[in-house]
Amino acid sequence: MTALDSIALTSLDGSATSLAEYAGRAVLVVNVASKCGLTPQYAGLEALATRYADRGLTVLGVPCNQFAGQEPGSAEEIATFCSTTYGVTFPLLEKTDVNGDARHPLYVELATTPDAEGEAGDITWNFEKFLIAPDHVTVQRFRPRTEPESDEVVGAIEAVLPS
């Protein structure tokens, strides 16, 4: 068990969960928003979730309203938007702060991961992505404008998938 596995999480429906639920699976954690210019990335995230589910990947969406109020909805509104607009089937957590004094413990850990340029720290915008290997060590950080189905993200996922 890793430090990430012991962090208490809450699903969008209010039920308790943790990354331990995804033991042995790679997890792509993404802070998401419904009213952002990057919201169409939901389609790419769902494509990754579908394409790699049987090979050991879980995409985990984390709604966040900290960037220009771009995730204002209730849990029910978020769930409806994601399923009806983008056909999202991957799990979503409750709305969460990813920066600041109320930063969720998951993001306290994730924010220490450097990106390709070696920069760690605060989440810069919606749709920042963190790839967690099956041993639940964070291995890569992708900034918001990196498309989910880019060669960079797909290559990193394929490199950590369980055999």
C-alpha atoms as a PDB file:
ATOM      1  CA  MET A   1       0.000   0.000   0.000  1.00  0.00           C
ATOM      2  CA  THR A   2       1.277   3.487  -0.852  1.00  0.00           C
ATOM      3  CA  ALA A   3       0.584   6.880   0.701  1.00  0.00           C
ATOM      4  CA  LEU A   4      -1.878   7.539  -2.133  1.00  0.00           C
ATOM      5  CA  ASP A   5      -3.857   4.393  -1.315  1.00  0.00           C
ATOM      6  CA  SER A   6      -4.545   5.548   2.241  1.00  0.00           C
ATOM      7  CA  ILE A   7      -6.081   8.900   1.227  1.00  0.00           C
ATOM      8  CA  ALA A   8      -9.831   8.923   1.786  1.00  0.00           C
ATOM      9  CA  LEU A   9     -11.795   9.895  -1.321  1.00  0.00           C
ATOM     10  CA  THR A  10     -15.494  10.441  -1.904  1.00  0.00           C
ATOM     11  CA  SER A  11     -17.227   9.396  -5.111  1.00  0.00           C
ATOM     12  CA  LEU A  12     -19.553  11.812  -6.887  1.00  0.00           C
ATOM     13  CA  ASP A  13     -22.484   9.839  -5.466  1.00  0.00           C
ATOM     14  CA  GLY A  14     -21.199  10.448  -1.919  1.00  0.00           C
ATOM     15  CA  SER A  15     -19.841   6.968  -1.236  1.00  0.00           C
ATOM     16  CA  ALA A  16     -16.447   6.470   0.386  1.00  0.00           C
ATOM     17  CA  THR A  17     -13.602   5.176  -1.783  1.00  0.00           C
ATOM     18  CA  SER A  18      -9.817   5.341  -2.154  1.00  0.00           C
ATOM     19  CA  LEU A  19      -7.173   4.538  -4.725  1.00  0.00           C
ATOM     20  CA  ALA A  20      -6.753   1.178  -2.949  1.00  0.00           C
ATOM     21  CA  GLU A  21      -9.956   0.224  -4.807  1.00  0.00           C
ATOM     22  CA  TYR A  22      -7.849   0.295  -7.984  1.00  0.00           C
ATOM     23  CA  ALA A  23      -5.019  -1.884  -6.667  1.00  0.00           C
ATOM     24  CA  GLY A  24      -2.936  -3.320  -9.479  1.00  0.00           C
ATOM     25  CA  ARG A  25      -4.343  -0.845 -12.015  1.00  0.00           C
ATOM     26  CA  ALA A  26      -2.837   2.260 -13.540  1.00  0.00           C
ATOM     27  CA  VAL A  27      -4.923   5.351 -12.769  1.00  0.00           C
ATOM     28  CA  LEU A  28      -5.106   8.585 -14.753  1.00  0.00           C
ATOM     29  CA  VAL A  29      -6.345  11.276 -12.335  1.00  0.00           C
ATOM     30  CA  VAL A  30      -7.728  14.391 -14.040  1.00  0.00           C
ATOM     31  CA  ASN A  31      -9.308  17.511 -12.526  1.00  0.00           C
ATOM     32  CA  VAL A  32     -12.293  18.158 -14.765  1.00  0.00           C
ATOM     33  CA  ALA A  33     -14.851  20.913 -15.415  1.00  0.00           C
ATOM     34  CA  SER A  34     -18.043  21.113 -17.450  1.00  0.00           C
ATOM     35  CA  LYS A  35     -17.835  24.718 -18.651  1.00  0.00           C
ATOM     36  CA  CYS A  36     -14.197  25.017 -19.747  1.00  0.00           C
ATOM     37  CA  GLY A  37     -12.679  25.433 -23.183  1.00  0.00           C
ATOM     38  CA  LEU A  38     -10.905  22.135 -22.491  1.00  0.00           C
ATOM     39  CA  THR A  39     -14.139  20.285 -21.582  1.00  0.00           C
ATOM     40  CA  PRO A  40     -14.107  18.407 -24.936  1.00  0.00           C
ATOM     41  CA  GLN A  41     -11.171  16.460 -23.456  1.00  0.00           C
ATOM     42  CA  TYR A  42     -13.856  14.373 -21.738  1.00  0.00           C
ATOM     43  CA  ALA A  43     -14.243  12.567 -25.083  1.00  0.00           C
ATOM     44  CA  GLY A  44     -10.563  11.640 -25.175  1.00  0.00           C
ATOM     45  CA  LEU A  45     -10.593  10.592 -21.530  1.00  0.00           C
ATOM     46  CA  GLU A  46     -13.588   8.321 -22.156  1.00  0.00           C
ATOM     47  CA  ALA A  47     -11.834   6.881 -25.223  1.00  0.00           C
ATOM     48  CA  LEU A  48      -8.764   6.062 -23.101  1.00  0.00           C
ATOM     49  CA  ALA A  49     -10.924   4.587 -20.343  1.00  0.00           C
ATOM     50  CA  THR A  50     -12.711   2.339 -22.837  1.00  0.00           C
ATOM     51  CA  ARG A  51      -9.615   1.424 -24.859  1.00  0.00           C
ATOM     52  CA  TYR A  52      -7.468   0.438 -21.879  1.00  0.00           C
ATOM     53  CA  ALA A  53      -9.972  -0.751 -19.255  1.00  0.00           C
ATOM     54  CA  ASP A  54      -9.323  -4.422 -19.965  1.00  0.00           C
ATOM     55  CA  ARG A  55      -5.557  -3.822 -19.875  1.00  0.00           C
ATOM     56  CA  GLY A  56      -5.624  -2.263 -16.402  1.00  0.00           C
ATOM     57  CA  LEU A  57      -6.299   1.489 -16.694  1.00  0.00           C
ATOM     58  CA  THR A  58      -8.855   3.484 -14.743  1.00  0.00           C
ATOM     59  CA  VAL A  59      -9.501   7.127 -15.569  1.00  0.00           C
ATOM     60  CA  LEU A  60     -10.610   9.020 -12.463  1.00  0.00           C
ATOM     61  CA  GLY A  61     -12.277  12.401 -12.926  1.00  0.00           C
ATOM     62  CA  VAL A  62     -12.083  14.978 -10.159  1.00  0.00           C
ATOM     63  CA  PRO A  63     -14.517  17.882 -10.689  1.00  0.00           C
ATOM     64  CA  CYS A  64     -13.073  21.192  -9.541  1.00  0.00           C
ATOM     65  CA  ASN A  65     -14.622  24.665  -9.477  1.00  0.00           C
ATOM     66  CA  GLN A  66     -11.427  26.591  -8.623  1.00  0.00           C
ATOM     67  CA  PHE A  67     -10.653  27.814 -12.141  1.00  0.00           C
ATOM     68  CA  ALA A  68     -12.980  30.661 -13.165  1.00  0.00           C
ATOM     69  CA  GLY A  69     -15.989  28.854 -11.644  1.00  0.00           C
ATOM     70  CA  GLN A  70     -16.088  26.406 -14.561  1.00  0.00           C
ATOM     71  CA  GLU A  71     -17.617  23.524 -12.567  1.00  0.00           C
ATOM     72  CA  PRO A  72     -20.570  25.212 -10.821  1.00  0.00           C
ATOM     73  CA  GLY A  73     -23.029  22.307 -10.878  1.00  0.00           C
ATOM     74  CA  SER A  74     -24.243  19.956  -8.181  1.00  0.00           C
ATOM     75  CA  ALA A  75     -23.111  16.342  -8.108  1.00  0.00           C
ATOM     76  CA  GLU A  76     -26.273  15.341  -9.970  1.00  0.00           C
ATOM     77  CA  GLU A  77     -25.767  18.033 -12.617  1.00  0.00           C
ATOM     78  CA  ILE A  78     -22.143  16.999 -13.130  1.00  0.00           C
ATOM     79  CA  ALA A  79     -23.088  13.319 -13.468  1.00  0.00           C
ATOM     80  CA  THR A  80     -25.865  14.103 -15.939  1.00  0.00           C
ATOM     81  CA  PHE A  81     -23.687  16.421 -18.016  1.00  0.00           C
ATOM     82  CA  CYS A  82     -20.830  13.907 -18.211  1.00  0.00           C
ATOM     83  CA  SER A  83     -22.992  10.937 -19.118  1.00  0.00           C
ATOM     84  CA  THR A  84     -25.319  12.654 -21.588  1.00  0.00           C
ATOM     85  CA  THR A  85     -22.834  14.987 -23.285  1.00  0.00           C
ATOM     86  CA  TYR A  86     -19.715  12.796 -23.420  1.00  0.00           C
ATOM     87  CA  GLY A  87     -20.934   9.305 -22.531  1.00  0.00           C
ATOM     88  CA  VAL A  88     -18.588   9.226 -19.540  1.00  0.00           C
ATOM     89  CA  THR A  89     -18.479   5.835 -17.844  1.00  0.00           C
ATOM     90  CA  PHE A  90     -15.302   6.292 -15.792  1.00  0.00           C
ATOM     91  CA  PRO A  91     -15.603   7.075 -12.075  1.00  0.00           C
ATOM     92  CA  LEU A  92     -15.923  10.650 -10.849  1.00  0.00           C
ATOM     93  CA  LEU A  93     -15.128  11.964  -7.395  1.00  0.00           C
ATOM     94  CA  GLU A  94     -16.951  14.697  -5.507  1.00  0.00           C
ATOM     95  CA  LYS A  95     -16.124  18.301  -6.349  1.00  0.00           C
ATOM     96  CA  THR A  96     -12.681  18.929  -4.884  1.00  0.00           C
ATOM     97  CA  ASP A  97     -10.217  21.773  -4.280  1.00  0.00           C
ATOM     98  CA  VAL A  98      -6.905  21.038  -5.994  1.00  0.00           C
ATOM     99  CA  ASN A  99      -5.057  24.189  -4.844  1.00  0.00           C
ATOM    100  CA  GLY A 100      -4.990  26.486  -1.829  1.00  0.00           C
ATOM    101  CA  ASP A 101      -5.535  26.003   1.874  1.00  0.00           C
ATOM    102  CA  ALA A 102      -8.392  23.529   1.328  1.00  0.00           C
ATOM    103  CA  ARG A 103      -6.423  21.452  -1.226  1.00  0.00           C
ATOM    104  CA  HIS A 104      -7.511  17.832  -0.979  1.00  0.00           C
ATOM    105  CA  PRO A 105      -4.826  15.484   0.426  1.00  0.00           C
ATOM    106  CA  LEU A 106      -4.779  13.626  -2.915  1.00  0.00           C
ATOM    107  CA  TYR A 107      -3.678  16.817  -4.635  1.00  0.00           C
ATOM    108  CA  VAL A 108      -1.206  17.649  -1.850  1.00  0.00           C
ATOM    109  CA  GLU A 109       0.594  14.474  -2.976  1.00  0.00           C
ATOM    110  CA  LEU A 110       0.010  14.816  -6.720  1.00  0.00           C
ATOM    111  CA  ALA A 111       1.203  18.436  -6.853  1.00  0.00           C
ATOM    112  CA  THR A 112       4.711  17.308  -5.858  1.00  0.00           C
ATOM    113  CA  THR A 113       5.033  15.462  -9.190  1.00  0.00           C
ATOM    114  CA  PRO A 114       7.032  17.411 -11.788  1.00  0.00           C
ATOM    115  CA  ASP A 115       5.878  17.818 -15.383  1.00  0.00           C
ATOM    116  CA  ALA A 116       8.049  17.189 -18.464  1.00  0.00           C
ATOM    117  CA  GLU A 117       9.914  20.462 -17.829  1.00  0.00           C
ATOM    118  CA  GLY A 118      10.637  19.504 -14.214  1.00  0.00           C
ATOM    119  CA  GLU A 119       8.041  21.884 -12.757  1.00  0.00           C
ATOM    120  CA  ALA A 120       5.940  20.744  -9.801  1.00  0.00           C
ATOM    121  CA  GLY A 121       3.535  22.751  -7.650  1.00  0.00           C
ATOM    122  CA  ASP A 122       0.033  24.098  -8.043  1.00  0.00           C
ATOM    123  CA  ILE A 123      -2.405  22.743 -10.584  1.00  0.00           C
ATOM    124  CA  THR A 124      -2.456  25.294 -13.400  1.00  0.00           C
ATOM    125  CA  TRP A 125      -5.971  24.782 -14.829  1.00  0.00           C
ATOM    126  CA  ASN A 126      -8.719  22.251 -15.489  1.00  0.00           C
ATOM    127  CA  PHE A 127      -7.744  18.948 -17.115  1.00  0.00           C
ATOM    128  CA  GLU A 128      -4.283  18.584 -15.588  1.00  0.00           C
ATOM    129  CA  LYS A 129      -3.493  14.862 -15.685  1.00  0.00           C
ATOM    130  CA  PHE A 130      -1.491  12.597 -13.374  1.00  0.00           C
ATOM    131  CA  LEU A 131      -0.563   9.046 -14.330  1.00  0.00           C
ATOM    132  CA  ILE A 132      -0.266   6.676 -11.403  1.00  0.00           C
ATOM    133  CA  ALA A 133       1.389   3.300 -12.044  1.00  0.00           C
ATOM    134  CA  PRO A 134      -0.192   0.022 -10.874  1.00  0.00           C
ATOM    135  CA  ASP A 135       2.020   0.140  -7.744  1.00  0.00           C
ATOM    136  CA  HIS A 136       0.326   3.516  -7.108  1.00  0.00           C
ATOM    137  CA  VAL A 137       3.412   5.651  -7.490  1.00  0.00           C
ATOM    138  CA  THR A 138       2.777   8.817  -9.511  1.00  0.00           C
ATOM    139  CA  VAL A 139       4.955   8.560 -12.599  1.00  0.00           C
ATOM    140  CA  GLN A 140       3.973  11.421 -14.868  1.00  0.00           C
ATOM    141  CA  ARG A 141       2.204  14.760 -14.958  1.00  0.00           C
ATOM    142  CA  PHE A 142       0.623  16.238 -18.072  1.00  0.00           C
ATOM    143  CA  ARG A 143      -0.405  19.881 -18.198  1.00  0.00           C
ATOM    144  CA  PRO A 144      -3.987  20.825 -19.177  1.00  0.00           C
ATOM    145  CA  ARG A 145      -3.454  21.426 -22.885  1.00  0.00           C
ATOM    146  CA  THR A 146      -1.942  17.970 -23.388  1.00  0.00           C
ATOM    147  CA  GLU A 147      -4.713  16.042 -25.114  1.00  0.00           C
ATOM    148  CA  PRO A 148      -5.675  12.733 -23.471  1.00  0.00           C
ATOM    149  CA  GLU A 149      -5.111  10.751 -26.678  1.00  0.00           C
ATOM    150  CA  SER A 150      -1.786  12.433 -27.515  1.00  0.00           C
ATOM    151  CA  ASP A 151       1.192  10.191 -28.252  1.00  0.00           C
ATOM    152  CA  GLU A 152       2.789  11.470 -25.044  1.00  0.00           C
ATOM    153  CA  VAL A 153      -0.089  10.345 -22.805  1.00  0.00           C
ATOM    154  CA  VAL A 154      -0.821   7.101 -24.664  1.00  0.00           C
ATOM    155  CA  GLY A 155       2.865   6.131 -24.641  1.00  0.00           C
ATOM    156  CA  ALA A 156       3.135   6.766 -20.915  1.00  0.00           C
ATOM    157  CA  ILE A 157      -0.012   4.742 -20.228  1.00  0.00           C
ATOM    158  CA  GLU A 158       1.157   1.822 -22.328  1.00  0.00           C
ATOM    159  CA  ALA A 159       4.533   1.880 -20.550  1.00  0.00           C
ATOM    160  CA  VAL A 160       2.938   1.328 -17.126  1.00  0.00           C
ATOM    161  CA  LEU A 161       0.026  -0.964 -17.865  1.00  0.00           C
ATOM    162  CA  PRO A 162       0.136  -4.290 -16.052  1.00  0.00           C
ATOM    163  CA  SER A 163       1.317  -7.128 -18.284  1.00  0.00           C
END
